[in-house]
């Protein structure tokens, strides 16, 4: 089980470093849609998927690749928490 504050920080840092190329100034609130803001596209979802699988030792099924799980930092945190609780 991961500490939720550390989990949020790790995911936010990944978004800043990898998807925003270090531009923290353009970071949105944790509940904002990453796709609507143009931060994540289909390639970005795959980058996020690989990050989650590697960083948190998760196995993500194709059916889980939905906006409810991947479209905001809040959704990503909740998804990882659910997956780690289930494991």
C-alpha atoms as a PDB file:
ATOM      1  CA  UNK A   1       0.000   0.000   0.000  1.00  0.00           C
ATOM      2  CA  UNK A   2       1.323   3.430  -0.914  1.00  0.00           C
ATOM      3  CA  UNK A   3       0.998   6.591   1.162  1.00  0.00           C
ATOM      4  CA  UNK A   4      -1.608   8.681  -0.651  1.00  0.00           C
ATOM      5  CA  UNK A   5       0.383  11.936  -0.358  1.00  0.00           C
ATOM      6  CA  UNK A   6       3.524  10.301  -1.745  1.00  0.00           C
ATOM      7  CA  UNK A   7       1.472   8.597  -4.446  1.00  0.00           C
ATOM      8  CA  UNK A   8      -0.019  11.942  -5.507  1.00  0.00           C
ATOM      9  CA  UNK A   9       3.436  13.574  -5.508  1.00  0.00           C
ATOM     10  CA  UNK A  10       4.939  10.757  -7.594  1.00  0.00           C
ATOM     11  CA  UNK A  11       2.155  10.932 -10.187  1.00  0.00           C
ATOM     12  CA  UNK A  12       2.188  14.743 -10.318  1.00  0.00           C
ATOM     13  CA  UNK A  13       5.986  14.719 -10.756  1.00  0.00           C
ATOM     14  CA  UNK A  14       5.690  12.209 -13.612  1.00  0.00           C
ATOM     15  CA  UNK A  15       3.122  14.430 -15.354  1.00  0.00           C
ATOM     16  CA  UNK A  16       5.366  17.485 -14.953  1.00  0.00           C
ATOM     17  CA  UNK A  17       8.600  15.737 -15.978  1.00  0.00           C
ATOM     18  CA  UNK A  18       7.367  13.510 -18.795  1.00  0.00           C
ATOM     19  CA  UNK A  19       4.181  15.027 -20.183  1.00  0.00           C
ATOM     20  CA  UNK A  20       4.825  18.735 -19.570  1.00  0.00           C
ATOM     21  CA  UNK A  21       8.586  18.396 -20.208  1.00  0.00           C
ATOM     22  CA  UNK A  22       9.394  19.999 -16.859  1.00  0.00           C
ATOM     23  CA  UNK A  23       7.062  22.981 -17.296  1.00  0.00           C
ATOM     24  CA  UNK A  24       5.451  22.961 -13.841  1.00  0.00           C
ATOM     25  CA  UNK A  25       3.952  26.403 -14.503  1.00  0.00           C
ATOM     26  CA  UNK A  26       1.438  24.877 -16.918  1.00  0.00           C
ATOM     27  CA  UNK A  27       0.324  22.250 -14.374  1.00  0.00           C
ATOM     28  CA  UNK A  28      -3.422  22.074 -13.836  1.00  0.00           C
ATOM     29  CA  UNK A  29      -5.300  21.322 -10.625  1.00  0.00           C
ATOM     30  CA  UNK A  30      -5.280  17.617  -9.720  1.00  0.00           C
ATOM     31  CA  UNK A  31      -8.933  17.207 -10.742  1.00  0.00           C
ATOM     32  CA  UNK A  32      -8.553  18.801 -14.188  1.00  0.00           C
ATOM     33  CA  UNK A  33      -8.862  16.684 -17.327  1.00  0.00           C
ATOM     34  CA  UNK A  34      -5.441  15.944 -18.791  1.00  0.00           C
ATOM     35  CA  UNK A  35      -6.934  15.147 -22.212  1.00  0.00           C
ATOM     36  CA  UNK A  36      -9.108  18.266 -22.403  1.00  0.00           C
ATOM     37  CA  UNK A  37      -6.064  20.368 -21.498  1.00  0.00           C
ATOM     38  CA  UNK A  38      -4.107  18.716 -24.313  1.00  0.00           C
ATOM     39  CA  UNK A  39      -1.556  17.251 -21.904  1.00  0.00           C
ATOM     40  CA  UNK A  40      -2.381  13.610 -22.631  1.00  0.00           C
ATOM     41  CA  UNK A  41      -3.240  12.008 -25.969  1.00  0.00           C
ATOM     42  CA  UNK A  42      -3.308   8.305 -26.847  1.00  0.00           C
ATOM     43  CA  UNK A  43       0.501   8.142 -26.733  1.00  0.00           C
ATOM     44  CA  UNK A  44       0.493   9.938 -23.389  1.00  0.00           C
ATOM     45  CA  UNK A  45      -1.926   7.389 -21.953  1.00  0.00           C
ATOM     46  CA  UNK A  46       0.542   4.658 -22.888  1.00  0.00           C
ATOM     47  CA  UNK A  47       3.360   6.584 -21.184  1.00  0.00           C
ATOM     48  CA  UNK A  48       1.233   6.917 -18.041  1.00  0.00           C
ATOM     49  CA  UNK A  49       0.341   3.224 -18.235  1.00  0.00           C
ATOM     50  CA  UNK A  50       4.009   2.178 -18.432  1.00  0.00           C
ATOM     51  CA  UNK A  51       4.896   4.513 -15.558  1.00  0.00           C
ATOM     52  CA  UNK A  52       2.157   3.086 -13.319  1.00  0.00           C
ATOM     53  CA  UNK A  53       3.050  -0.501 -14.146  1.00  0.00           C
ATOM     54  CA  UNK A  54       6.749   0.061 -13.454  1.00  0.00           C
ATOM     55  CA  UNK A  55       6.585   2.451 -10.486  1.00  0.00           C
ATOM     56  CA  UNK A  56       3.783   0.721  -8.592  1.00  0.00           C
ATOM     57  CA  UNK A  57       4.170  -2.865  -9.886  1.00  0.00           C
ATOM     58  CA  UNK A  58       0.646  -2.854 -11.326  1.00  0.00           C
ATOM     59  CA  UNK A  59      -0.854  -4.870 -14.109  1.00  0.00           C
ATOM     60  CA  UNK A  60      -3.406  -2.757 -15.979  1.00  0.00           C
ATOM     61  CA  UNK A  61      -6.008  -4.495 -18.142  1.00  0.00           C
ATOM     62  CA  UNK A  62      -7.119  -2.971 -21.455  1.00  0.00           C
ATOM     63  CA  UNK A  63     -10.636  -2.489 -20.058  1.00  0.00           C
ATOM     64  CA  UNK A  64      -9.156  -0.256 -17.322  1.00  0.00           C
ATOM     65  CA  UNK A  65      -7.728   2.230 -19.860  1.00  0.00           C
ATOM     66  CA  UNK A  66     -10.680   4.591 -19.518  1.00  0.00           C
ATOM     67  CA  UNK A  67     -10.916   8.299 -18.637  1.00  0.00           C
ATOM     68  CA  UNK A  68     -12.392   7.431 -15.230  1.00  0.00           C
ATOM     69  CA  UNK A  69      -8.972   5.972 -14.373  1.00  0.00           C
ATOM     70  CA  UNK A  70      -6.517   8.001 -16.461  1.00  0.00           C
ATOM     71  CA  UNK A  71      -7.881  11.494 -17.181  1.00  0.00           C
ATOM     72  CA  UNK A  72      -6.667  13.439 -14.138  1.00  0.00           C
ATOM     73  CA  UNK A  73      -4.166  13.189 -11.348  1.00  0.00           C
ATOM     74  CA  UNK A  74      -7.059  12.585  -8.930  1.00  0.00           C
ATOM     75  CA  UNK A  75      -8.321   9.717 -11.118  1.00  0.00           C
ATOM     76  CA  UNK A  76      -4.836   8.225 -11.388  1.00  0.00           C
ATOM     77  CA  UNK A  77      -4.309   8.358  -7.615  1.00  0.00           C
ATOM     78  CA  UNK A  78      -7.688   6.710  -6.953  1.00  0.00           C
ATOM     79  CA  UNK A  79      -6.996   4.057  -9.598  1.00  0.00           C
ATOM     80  CA  UNK A  80      -3.597   3.130  -8.137  1.00  0.00           C
ATOM     81  CA  UNK A  81      -5.096   3.020  -4.636  1.00  0.00           C
ATOM     82  CA  UNK A  82      -7.868   0.674  -5.796  1.00  0.00           C
ATOM     83  CA  UNK A  83      -5.410  -1.563  -7.640  1.00  0.00           C
ATOM     84  CA  UNK A  84      -2.963  -1.776  -4.728  1.00  0.00           C
ATOM     85  CA  UNK A  85      -5.771  -2.485  -2.236  1.00  0.00           C
ATOM     86  CA  UNK A  86      -7.050  -5.287  -4.470  1.00  0.00           C
ATOM     87  CA  UNK A  87      -3.603  -6.881  -4.764  1.00  0.00           C
END
